[in-house]
Structure formats: structure tokens, C-alpha cells
Amino acid sequence: MSSKFLDISTVIIYTGNVMKQANINTFKDELASCLENSLKNVYSSYNIDQTRGILEIPSVYSQYKLKDRSDFEITAKLFYLPSSSTSPDNPSIPPPSYISQSLYLLFRLLVLSDFEKLAEVWKELESHYRNDRIKKLGVSEFTKNRFERFLDVVEIPPKIDQINVKGCCDLPRQMIGYAKEHDIELLTHRDPTNVLPSATFQKILKNTKFSFNSELLPRWVLKYSVLIKCREVVANKGYIVMSSTPTADSNFRYPIETID
């Protein structure tokens, strides 16, 4: 291990445009394969923020740059991993700072449960919505009852609900009626519950001979895509993964206000 990495406690990995890489059918296999590609390149290309103890590993593949954001539709889905929580009292709720971290990294890359705790996380998204950085907010796996409870504690309601249909083909009838009444767009997905298990991540690190003095835990995965509006064509799709040591400060924040 390089001596430059000794004080590193957080590692952020960019897969780059996965459309330029191997065509793999499953989400988890695609993510794992692309992470390996990036990690194999770590010793020839990386950025270190010594102040925060952050190591950033760029992709070996060139990144699609946005010239005029009005010509593109960017969608992003943030996956909180089982090891993402830093609260022993609420292990299912991650720090709100994860929202700012992931959005900052996405904006820069493209050049551009407990309902009280969940509402605290949602406030981070609302602030970016008010600043016009996000056009539409959404959630996953919300039932009608959960939506009703959630709307009582937030100011800006979700306009999208992604529902996993892996075990069936039909959307819940009760949710369909509620969505029509409240102008909620229902989308389906087949994403696994845990997109990057810790064991898988450790295997990737081992395969690429990427070692640290302390264990690295995967905290969150941001999945994004860029659609060219006029052509209805996906031009870019990729992932950003944040991992850190058990003792790392996961509440660090980037100055997202400086991103145009």
C-alpha cells in the first residue's frame, strides 16, 4: 500500500460511463465489474484531499460532459447500504450529509422506518429542489399508508414512487388510485435490496490488490443516467460509490453552493 494512502479514511470510486464497458445483464454484476476496472487503475490515477482524508479514484473511461443542461434529463437514485448508518439508535437511517456528498460529486462529475429521521434526510433534498438543482423528487417502495404519513412531515412531496416488481408483475391497485389522485408518477424497478454487500466489496478490493490498514465499508451507491431529450437516447450511465473506515467521519460536507 502506498504511504500516501496511510491517512485516508474515505474512498470514493467513479465507474465512468458503463455503456463503454462490458455488457453485463445484472445490476450487481455490472456494478462489481466496473468497480474492479476503476480500482485496477488506482495507482496511476487518483486524487487525494489530505484535509478530509479522502481518496478519489476516477474511471479509466472518458466521462460524457454536459454542454447545455437544458438539453439533458439527469436521473439519479441513491442507495443507502446496510453499513451506511452511523447511528446505533437508528441503524436504518443514514446521515443527511450523504445527500449533499452524492449530489456534489454528481454535479461536479457532469460539470454542471423512522419518519422524523427520514424527514430530516428529506430536508437536504428539499433545499436542493428550492435552489433548482433538482427538478423532481422521488422515493422507493412507498405504500399508500406510508405516503400519507410522510406527506404530513415534509414540505415538498415526492412526485415519483419506484416500486420493486421483482416478485410480481402488477402494481398495487390501492397505490395506483392514490397516485392518480395526488399526481404521483409510479415507476417499476428490479434493483436488489442491497446493491453492494460488504462481502462483495471486500472481494473486489482483494481481487484488485487494493488494501488499507483498516477495513473499508461501502456506505452508499449513486446510480445515474443522462438522457438526451431531443433524441430520447441515454448517452451516459454510471455509478459513484462511497466507502469509509469504521471510524471515519461520514458527516463531512462539500461546498455544493459553489457548483454552477
C-alpha atoms as a PDB file:
ATOM      1  CA  MET A   1       0.000   0.000   0.000  1.00  0.00           C
ATOM      2  CA  SER A   2       1.286   3.471  -0.916  1.00  0.00           C
ATOM      3  CA  SER A   3       2.413   5.634   2.005  1.00  0.00           C
ATOM      4  CA  LYS A   4       0.279   8.434   0.521  1.00  0.00           C
ATOM      5  CA  PHE A   5      -2.807   6.433   1.473  1.00  0.00           C
ATOM      6  CA  LEU A   6      -1.919   5.943   5.151  1.00  0.00           C
ATOM      7  CA  ASP A   7      -4.106   8.789   6.447  1.00  0.00           C
ATOM      8  CA  ILE A   8      -7.019   8.065   4.109  1.00  0.00           C
ATOM      9  CA  SER A   9     -10.304   7.157   5.794  1.00  0.00           C
ATOM     10  CA  THR A  10     -12.779   7.647   2.924  1.00  0.00           C
ATOM     11  CA  VAL A  11     -12.585   6.285  -0.622  1.00  0.00           C
ATOM     12  CA  ILE A  12     -14.843   7.461  -3.456  1.00  0.00           C
ATOM     13  CA  ILE A  13     -14.872   5.435  -6.678  1.00  0.00           C
ATOM     14  CA  TYR A  14     -16.228   6.525 -10.067  1.00  0.00           C
ATOM     15  CA  THR A  15     -17.122   3.852 -12.623  1.00  0.00           C
ATOM     16  CA  GLY A  16     -17.388   6.266 -15.552  1.00  0.00           C
ATOM     17  CA  ASN A  17     -19.759   5.527 -18.411  1.00  0.00           C
ATOM     18  CA  VAL A  18     -20.660   1.844 -18.008  1.00  0.00           C
ATOM     19  CA  MET A  19     -22.090   1.839 -21.539  1.00  0.00           C
ATOM     20  CA  LYS A  20     -18.477   1.806 -22.773  1.00  0.00           C
ATOM     21  CA  GLN A  21     -17.652  -1.230 -20.680  1.00  0.00           C
ATOM     22  CA  ALA A  22     -18.627  -4.900 -20.724  1.00  0.00           C
ATOM     23  CA  ASN A  23     -22.314  -5.586 -21.350  1.00  0.00           C
ATOM     24  CA  ILE A  24     -23.453  -7.393 -18.199  1.00  0.00           C
ATOM     25  CA  ASN A  25     -27.089  -8.260 -17.627  1.00  0.00           C
ATOM     26  CA  THR A  26     -27.495  -7.903 -13.864  1.00  0.00           C
ATOM     27  CA  PHE A  27     -27.193  -4.647 -11.922  1.00  0.00           C
ATOM     28  CA  LYS A  28     -24.990  -6.116  -9.156  1.00  0.00           C
ATOM     29  CA  ASP A  29     -22.586  -7.809 -11.589  1.00  0.00           C
ATOM     30  CA  GLU A  30     -22.324  -4.643 -13.683  1.00  0.00           C
ATOM     31  CA  LEU A  31     -21.525  -2.523 -10.631  1.00  0.00           C
ATOM     32  CA  ALA A  32     -18.941  -5.011  -9.327  1.00  0.00           C
ATOM     33  CA  SER A  33     -17.217  -5.346 -12.717  1.00  0.00           C
ATOM     34  CA  CYS A  34     -16.992  -1.570 -13.220  1.00  0.00           C
ATOM     35  CA  LEU A  35     -15.636  -1.032  -9.691  1.00  0.00           C
ATOM     36  CA  GLU A  36     -12.887  -3.531 -10.404  1.00  0.00           C
ATOM     37  CA  ASN A  37     -11.971  -1.685 -13.612  1.00  0.00           C
ATOM     38  CA  SER A  38     -11.598   1.594 -11.713  1.00  0.00           C
ATOM     39  CA  LEU A  39      -9.654   0.106  -8.788  1.00  0.00           C
ATOM     40  CA  LYS A  40      -7.159  -1.604 -11.075  1.00  0.00           C
ATOM     41  CA  ASN A  41      -6.175   1.870 -12.246  1.00  0.00           C
ATOM     42  CA  VAL A  42      -5.820   3.442  -8.790  1.00  0.00           C
ATOM     43  CA  TYR A  43      -2.030   3.681  -8.625  1.00  0.00           C
ATOM     44  CA  SER A  44      -1.793   5.523 -11.944  1.00  0.00           C
ATOM     45  CA  SER A  45      -4.648   7.971 -11.426  1.00  0.00           C
ATOM     46  CA  TYR A  46      -6.105   9.284  -8.171  1.00  0.00           C
ATOM     47  CA  ASN A  47      -6.853  12.481  -6.237  1.00  0.00           C
ATOM     48  CA  ILE A  48      -6.256  12.996  -2.519  1.00  0.00           C
ATOM     49  CA  ASP A  49      -7.904  15.509  -0.207  1.00  0.00           C
ATOM     50  CA  GLN A  50      -5.499  15.387   2.743  1.00  0.00           C
ATOM     51  CA  THR A  51      -7.618  17.771   4.809  1.00  0.00           C
ATOM     52  CA  ARG A  52     -10.611  15.450   4.851  1.00  0.00           C
ATOM     53  CA  GLY A  53      -8.668  12.214   4.365  1.00  0.00           C
ATOM     54  CA  ILE A  54     -10.488  11.421   1.115  1.00  0.00           C
ATOM     55  CA  LEU A  55      -9.130   9.399  -1.793  1.00  0.00           C
ATOM     56  CA  GLU A  56     -10.978   9.755  -5.120  1.00  0.00           C
ATOM     57  CA  ILE A  57     -10.477   7.159  -7.860  1.00  0.00           C
ATOM     58  CA  PRO A  58     -11.594   8.284 -11.328  1.00  0.00           C
ATOM     59  CA  SER A  59     -12.673   5.959 -14.105  1.00  0.00           C
ATOM     60  CA  VAL A  60     -10.352   4.891 -16.892  1.00  0.00           C
ATOM     61  CA  TYR A  61     -13.191   5.676 -19.299  1.00  0.00           C
ATOM     62  CA  SER A  62     -13.808   9.221 -20.524  1.00  0.00           C
ATOM     63  CA  GLN A  63     -16.806  10.962 -18.991  1.00  0.00           C
ATOM     64  CA  TYR A  64     -19.652  12.447 -21.012  1.00  0.00           C
ATOM     65  CA  LYS A  65     -19.691  16.200 -20.391  1.00  0.00           C
ATOM     66  CA  LEU A  66     -22.860  18.274 -20.497  1.00  0.00           C
ATOM     67  CA  LYS A  67     -22.704  21.403 -22.650  1.00  0.00           C
ATOM     68  CA  ASP A  68     -26.217  22.744 -22.051  1.00  0.00           C
ATOM     69  CA  ARG A  69     -28.071  21.116 -19.144  1.00  0.00           C
ATOM     70  CA  SER A  70     -31.447  22.100 -20.626  1.00  0.00           C
ATOM     71  CA  ASP A  71     -30.801  19.587 -23.428  1.00  0.00           C
ATOM     72  CA  PHE A  72     -30.450  16.697 -20.981  1.00  0.00           C
ATOM     73  CA  GLU A  73     -32.527  14.906 -18.386  1.00  0.00           C
ATOM     74  CA  ILE A  74     -30.451  13.581 -15.492  1.00  0.00           C
ATOM     75  CA  THR A  75     -31.886  10.937 -13.202  1.00  0.00           C
ATOM     76  CA  ALA A  76     -30.176   9.658 -10.068  1.00  0.00           C
ATOM     77  CA  LYS A  77     -31.034   7.049  -7.464  1.00  0.00           C
ATOM     78  CA  LEU A  78     -29.197   6.943  -4.157  1.00  0.00           C
ATOM     79  CA  PHE A  79     -28.845   3.554  -2.460  1.00  0.00           C
ATOM     80  CA  TYR A  80     -28.093   3.574   1.266  1.00  0.00           C
ATOM     81  CA  LEU A  81     -26.207   0.383   2.078  1.00  0.00           C
ATOM     82  CA  PRO A  82     -26.643  -1.618   5.308  1.00  0.00           C
ATOM     83  CA  SER A  83     -23.326  -0.228   6.592  1.00  0.00           C
ATOM     84  CA  SER A  84     -24.306   3.376   5.807  1.00  0.00           C
ATOM     85  CA  SER A  85     -25.785   4.295   9.173  1.00  0.00           C
ATOM     86  CA  THR A  86     -23.607   5.912  11.829  1.00  0.00           C
ATOM     87  CA  SER A  87     -26.362   5.905  14.465  1.00  0.00           C
ATOM     88  CA  PRO A  88     -26.687   2.892  16.778  1.00  0.00           C
ATOM     89  CA  ASP A  89     -30.141   4.151  17.816  1.00  0.00           C
ATOM     90  CA  ASN A  90     -31.451   4.317  14.226  1.00  0.00           C
ATOM     91  CA  PRO A  91     -29.368   1.870  12.143  1.00  0.00           C
ATOM     92  CA  SER A  92     -31.687   2.182   9.133  1.00  0.00           C
ATOM     93  CA  ILE A  93     -31.311   5.968   8.828  1.00  0.00           C
ATOM     94  CA  PRO A  94     -28.089   7.339   7.254  1.00  0.00           C
ATOM     95  CA  PRO A  95     -26.657  10.816   7.907  1.00  0.00           C
ATOM     96  CA  PRO A  96     -28.366  13.617   5.903  1.00  0.00           C
ATOM     97  CA  SER A  97     -24.885  14.661   4.759  1.00  0.00           C
ATOM     98  CA  TYR A  98     -24.863  11.673   2.379  1.00  0.00           C
ATOM     99  CA  ILE A  99     -27.352  13.577   0.212  1.00  0.00           C
ATOM    100  CA  SER A 100     -25.022  16.567  -0.188  1.00  0.00           C
ATOM    101  CA  GLN A 101     -21.976  14.342  -0.724  1.00  0.00           C
ATOM    102  CA  SER A 102     -23.524  12.328  -3.540  1.00  0.00           C
ATOM    103  CA  LEU A 103     -25.143  15.309  -5.290  1.00  0.00           C
ATOM    104  CA  TYR A 104     -21.967  17.364  -5.159  1.00  0.00           C
ATOM    105  CA  LEU A 105     -19.965  14.542  -6.727  1.00  0.00           C
ATOM    106  CA  LEU A 106     -22.576  14.013  -9.440  1.00  0.00           C
ATOM    107  CA  PHE A 107     -22.798  17.735 -10.296  1.00  0.00           C
ATOM    108  CA  ARG A 108     -19.035  18.017 -10.437  1.00  0.00           C
ATOM    109  CA  LEU A 109     -18.665  14.835 -12.479  1.00  0.00           C
ATOM    110  CA  LEU A 110     -21.071  16.075 -15.160  1.00  0.00           C
ATOM    111  CA  VAL A 111     -19.831  19.660 -14.822  1.00  0.00           C
ATOM    112  CA  LEU A 112     -22.859  21.191 -14.021  1.00  0.00           C
ATOM    113  CA  SER A 113     -38.664   3.294   9.219  1.00  0.00           C
ATOM    114  CA  ASP A 114     -38.267   6.447  11.476  1.00  0.00           C
ATOM    115  CA  PHE A 115     -40.265   9.189   9.826  1.00  0.00           C
ATOM    116  CA  GLU A 116     -38.772  12.016  11.889  1.00  0.00           C
ATOM    117  CA  LYS A 117     -35.280  10.918  10.870  1.00  0.00           C
ATOM    118  CA  LEU A 118     -36.404  10.306   7.288  1.00  0.00           C
ATOM    119  CA  ALA A 119     -37.881  13.798   7.158  1.00  0.00           C
ATOM    120  CA  GLU A 120     -34.534  15.205   8.323  1.00  0.00           C
ATOM    121  CA  VAL A 121     -32.840  13.497   5.387  1.00  0.00           C
ATOM    122  CA  TRP A 122     -35.598  14.760   3.069  1.00  0.00           C
ATOM    123  CA  LYS A 123     -34.886  18.368   4.081  1.00  0.00           C
ATOM    124  CA  GLU A 124     -31.500  18.067   2.375  1.00  0.00           C
ATOM    125  CA  LEU A 125     -33.272  17.198  -0.872  1.00  0.00           C
ATOM    126  CA  GLU A 126     -35.817  19.981  -0.425  1.00  0.00           C
ATOM    127  CA  SER A 127     -33.064  22.595  -0.171  1.00  0.00           C
ATOM    128  CA  HIS A 128     -31.574  21.456  -3.496  1.00  0.00           C
ATOM    129  CA  TYR A 129     -35.039  21.429  -5.055  1.00  0.00           C
ATOM    130  CA  ARG A 130     -35.659  25.019  -3.974  1.00  0.00           C
ATOM    131  CA  ASN A 131     -32.303  26.042  -5.466  1.00  0.00           C
ATOM    132  CA  ASP A 132     -33.389  24.465  -8.769  1.00  0.00           C
ATOM    133  CA  ARG A 133     -30.612  21.858  -8.690  1.00  0.00           C
ATOM    134  CA  ILE A 134     -33.199  19.073  -8.613  1.00  0.00           C
ATOM    135  CA  LYS A 135     -36.308  19.168 -10.820  1.00  0.00           C
ATOM    136  CA  LYS A 136     -38.302  16.331  -9.300  1.00  0.00           C
ATOM    137  CA  LEU A 137     -38.077  14.352  -6.045  1.00  0.00           C
ATOM    138  CA  GLY A 138     -38.921  10.692  -5.655  1.00  0.00           C
ATOM    139  CA  VAL A 139     -38.926   7.758  -3.242  1.00  0.00           C
ATOM    140  CA  SER A 140     -38.881   3.966  -3.457  1.00  0.00           C
ATOM    141  CA  GLU A 141     -41.150   1.280  -2.048  1.00  0.00           C
ATOM    142  CA  PHE A 142     -43.704   3.702  -0.566  1.00  0.00           C
ATOM    143  CA  THR A 143     -47.154   2.271   0.082  1.00  0.00           C
ATOM    144  CA  LYS A 144     -50.302   4.397   0.298  1.00  0.00           C
ATOM    145  CA  ASN A 145     -50.185   4.434   4.106  1.00  0.00           C
ATOM    146  CA  ARG A 146     -46.521   5.384   4.161  1.00  0.00           C
ATOM    147  CA  PHE A 147     -47.129   8.190   1.664  1.00  0.00           C
ATOM    148  CA  GLU A 148     -49.937   9.620   3.786  1.00  0.00           C
ATOM    149  CA  ARG A 149     -47.753   9.643   6.897  1.00  0.00           C
ATOM    150  CA  PHE A 150     -44.781  11.090   5.020  1.00  0.00           C
ATOM    151  CA  LEU A 151     -46.749  13.974   3.499  1.00  0.00           C
ATOM    152  CA  ASP A 152     -47.650  15.148   6.995  1.00  0.00           C
ATOM    153  CA  VAL A 153     -43.999  15.781   7.905  1.00  0.00           C
ATOM    154  CA  VAL A 154     -42.476  17.199   4.685  1.00  0.00           C
ATOM    155  CA  GLU A 155     -42.982  20.454   2.789  1.00  0.00           C
ATOM    156  CA  ILE A 156     -42.232  19.294  -0.762  1.00  0.00           C
ATOM    157  CA  PRO A 157     -43.951  15.981  -1.574  1.00  0.00           C
ATOM    158  CA  PRO A 158     -42.363  13.226  -3.677  1.00  0.00           C
ATOM    159  CA  LYS A 159     -43.623  13.129  -7.261  1.00  0.00           C
ATOM    160  CA  ILE A 160     -42.193   9.694  -8.099  1.00  0.00           C
ATOM    161  CA  ASP A 161     -42.525   6.348  -6.367  1.00  0.00           C
ATOM    162  CA  GLN A 162     -40.364   3.463  -7.592  1.00  0.00           C
ATOM    163  CA  ILE A 163     -41.833   0.066  -6.771  1.00  0.00           C
ATOM    164  CA  ASN A 164     -39.968  -3.223  -6.996  1.00  0.00           C
ATOM    165  CA  VAL A 165     -41.865  -5.723  -9.164  1.00  0.00           C
ATOM    166  CA  LYS A 166     -39.279  -8.492  -8.980  1.00  0.00           C
ATOM    167  CA  GLY A 167     -41.696 -10.852  -7.268  1.00  0.00           C
ATOM    168  CA  CYS A 168     -44.747  -9.943  -9.368  1.00  0.00           C
ATOM    169  CA  CYS A 169     -45.813  -8.051 -12.469  1.00  0.00           C
ATOM    170  CA  ASP A 170     -48.608  -5.783 -11.239  1.00  0.00           C
ATOM    171  CA  LEU A 171     -48.547  -2.573  -9.228  1.00  0.00           C
ATOM    172  CA  PRO A 172     -50.693  -2.441  -6.064  1.00  0.00           C
ATOM    173  CA  ARG A 173     -54.198  -1.285  -7.036  1.00  0.00           C
ATOM    174  CA  GLN A 174     -54.547   0.850  -3.924  1.00  0.00           C
ATOM    175  CA  MET A 175     -51.335   2.703  -4.795  1.00  0.00           C
ATOM    176  CA  ILE A 176     -52.409   3.232  -8.423  1.00  0.00           C
ATOM    177  CA  GLY A 177     -55.573   5.077  -7.340  1.00  0.00           C
ATOM    178  CA  TYR A 178     -53.705   7.140  -4.745  1.00  0.00           C
ATOM    179  CA  ALA A 179     -51.003   8.072  -7.268  1.00  0.00           C
ATOM    180  CA  LYS A 180     -53.570   9.333  -9.805  1.00  0.00           C
ATOM    181  CA  GLU A 181     -55.298  11.410  -7.155  1.00  0.00           C
ATOM    182  CA  HIS A 182     -52.055  13.060  -5.959  1.00  0.00           C
ATOM    183  CA  ASP A 183     -50.210  13.354  -9.291  1.00  0.00           C
ATOM    184  CA  ILE A 184     -47.539  10.798  -8.380  1.00  0.00           C
ATOM    185  CA  GLU A 185     -45.677   9.010 -11.157  1.00  0.00           C
ATOM    186  CA  LEU A 186     -45.351   5.276 -10.483  1.00  0.00           C
ATOM    187  CA  LEU A 187     -42.243   3.601 -11.875  1.00  0.00           C
ATOM    188  CA  THR A 188     -41.154  -0.013 -11.604  1.00  0.00           C
ATOM    189  CA  HIS A 189     -37.680  -1.398 -10.958  1.00  0.00           C
ATOM    190  CA  ARG A 190     -35.935  -4.690 -10.242  1.00  0.00           C
ATOM    191  CA  ASP A 191     -32.982  -3.384  -8.221  1.00  0.00           C
ATOM    192  CA  PRO A 192     -31.754  -5.714  -5.457  1.00  0.00           C
ATOM    193  CA  THR A 193     -32.293  -4.642  -1.854  1.00  0.00           C
ATOM    194  CA  ASN A 194     -28.557  -4.490  -1.177  1.00  0.00           C
ATOM    195  CA  VAL A 195     -26.780  -3.422  -4.367  1.00  0.00           C
ATOM    196  CA  LEU A 196     -23.269  -3.745  -2.911  1.00  0.00           C
ATOM    197  CA  PRO A 197     -22.919  -6.176   0.025  1.00  0.00           C
ATOM    198  CA  SER A 198     -19.859  -5.628   2.199  1.00  0.00           C
ATOM    199  CA  ALA A 199     -18.608  -9.143   1.363  1.00  0.00           C
ATOM    200  CA  THR A 200     -18.767  -8.365  -2.377  1.00  0.00           C
ATOM    201  CA  PHE A 201     -16.948  -5.078  -1.873  1.00  0.00           C
ATOM    202  CA  GLN A 202     -14.206  -6.765   0.166  1.00  0.00           C
ATOM    203  CA  LYS A 203     -13.796  -9.378  -2.583  1.00  0.00           C
ATOM    204  CA  ILE A 204     -13.413  -6.604  -5.190  1.00  0.00           C
ATOM    205  CA  LEU A 205     -10.738  -4.920  -3.064  1.00  0.00           C
ATOM    206  CA  LYS A 206      -8.920  -8.237  -2.680  1.00  0.00           C
ATOM    207  CA  ASN A 207      -9.106  -9.054  -6.413  1.00  0.00           C
ATOM    208  CA  THR A 208      -7.620  -5.670  -7.320  1.00  0.00           C
ATOM    209  CA  LYS A 209      -4.970  -5.802  -4.559  1.00  0.00           C
ATOM    210  CA  PHE A 210      -6.359  -2.542  -3.177  1.00  0.00           C
ATOM    211  CA  SER A 211      -5.547  -2.764   0.555  1.00  0.00           C
ATOM    212  CA  PHE A 212      -5.875  -0.428   3.516  1.00  0.00           C
ATOM    213  CA  ASN A 213      -4.739  -0.557   7.116  1.00  0.00           C
ATOM    214  CA  SER A 214      -8.395  -0.633   8.166  1.00  0.00           C
ATOM    215  CA  GLU A 215     -11.459  -2.292   6.695  1.00  0.00           C
ATOM    216  CA  LEU A 216     -13.389  -0.222   4.159  1.00  0.00           C
ATOM    217  CA  LEU A 217     -17.181  -0.349   4.452  1.00  0.00           C
ATOM    218  CA  PRO A 218     -19.391   0.602   1.474  1.00  0.00           C
ATOM    219  CA  ARG A 219     -21.693   3.422   2.623  1.00  0.00           C
ATOM    220  CA  TRP A 220     -23.709   4.496  -0.423  1.00  0.00           C
ATOM    221  CA  VAL A 221     -24.046   3.982  -4.170  1.00  0.00           C
ATOM    222  CA  LEU A 222     -25.358   6.660  -6.534  1.00  0.00           C
ATOM    223  CA  LYS A 223     -26.722   5.294  -9.820  1.00  0.00           C
ATOM    224  CA  TYR A 224     -27.208   7.931 -12.523  1.00  0.00           C
ATOM    225  CA  SER A 225     -28.101   8.268 -16.194  1.00  0.00           C
ATOM    226  CA  VAL A 226     -28.099  11.132 -18.697  1.00  0.00           C
ATOM    227  CA  LEU A 227     -30.786  11.261 -21.376  1.00  0.00           C
ATOM    228  CA  ILE A 228     -30.534  13.446 -24.500  1.00  0.00           C
ATOM    229  CA  LYS A 229     -34.045  14.896 -24.585  1.00  0.00           C
ATOM    230  CA  CYS A 230     -34.403  15.614 -28.309  1.00  0.00           C
ATOM    231  CA  ARG A 231     -33.297  12.110 -29.285  1.00  0.00           C
ATOM    232  CA  GLU A 232     -34.661  10.158 -26.295  1.00  0.00           C
ATOM    233  CA  VAL A 233     -31.304   8.389 -26.100  1.00  0.00           C
ATOM    234  CA  VAL A 234     -29.325   7.523 -22.962  1.00  0.00           C
ATOM    235  CA  ALA A 235     -25.840   8.981 -23.517  1.00  0.00           C
ATOM    236  CA  ASN A 236     -24.279   8.163 -20.165  1.00  0.00           C
ATOM    237  CA  LYS A 237     -24.893   5.768 -17.289  1.00  0.00           C
ATOM    238  CA  GLY A 238     -22.682   5.137 -14.303  1.00  0.00           C
ATOM    239  CA  TYR A 239     -22.160   4.799 -10.570  1.00  0.00           C
ATOM    240  CA  ILE A 240     -20.412   6.650  -7.769  1.00  0.00           C
ATOM    241  CA  VAL A 241     -19.540   4.629  -4.658  1.00  0.00           C
ATOM    242  CA  MET A 242     -18.503   6.000  -1.284  1.00  0.00           C
ATOM    243  CA  SER A 243     -16.768   3.789   1.261  1.00  0.00           C
ATOM    244  CA  SER A 244     -15.030   4.570   4.527  1.00  0.00           C
ATOM    245  CA  THR A 245     -13.357   3.039   7.552  1.00  0.00           C
ATOM    246  CA  PRO A 246     -15.454   2.255  10.655  1.00  0.00           C
ATOM    247  CA  THR A 247     -14.009   5.287  12.485  1.00  0.00           C
ATOM    248  CA  ALA A 248     -14.244   7.773   9.584  1.00  0.00           C
ATOM    249  CA  ASP A 249     -16.279  10.957   9.853  1.00  0.00           C
ATOM    250  CA  SER A 250     -19.120  10.286   7.431  1.00  0.00           C
ATOM    251  CA  ASN A 251     -20.760  13.649   8.071  1.00  0.00           C
ATOM    252  CA  PHE A 252     -18.316  15.709   6.008  1.00  0.00           C
ATOM    253  CA  ARG A 253     -19.939  18.126   3.565  1.00  0.00           C
ATOM    254  CA  TYR A 254     -18.782  19.560   0.278  1.00  0.00           C
ATOM    255  CA  PRO A 255     -19.345  23.264  -0.568  1.00  0.00           C
ATOM    256  CA  ILE A 256     -22.126  22.425  -3.020  1.00  0.00           C
ATOM    257  CA  GLU A 257     -23.161  26.082  -3.190  1.00  0.00           C
ATOM    258  CA  THR A 258     -20.126  26.714  -5.390  1.00  0.00           C
ATOM    259  CA  ILE A 259     -21.263  24.300  -8.112  1.00  0.00           C
ATOM    260  CA  ASP A 260     -22.953  26.100 -11.006  1.00  0.00           C
END
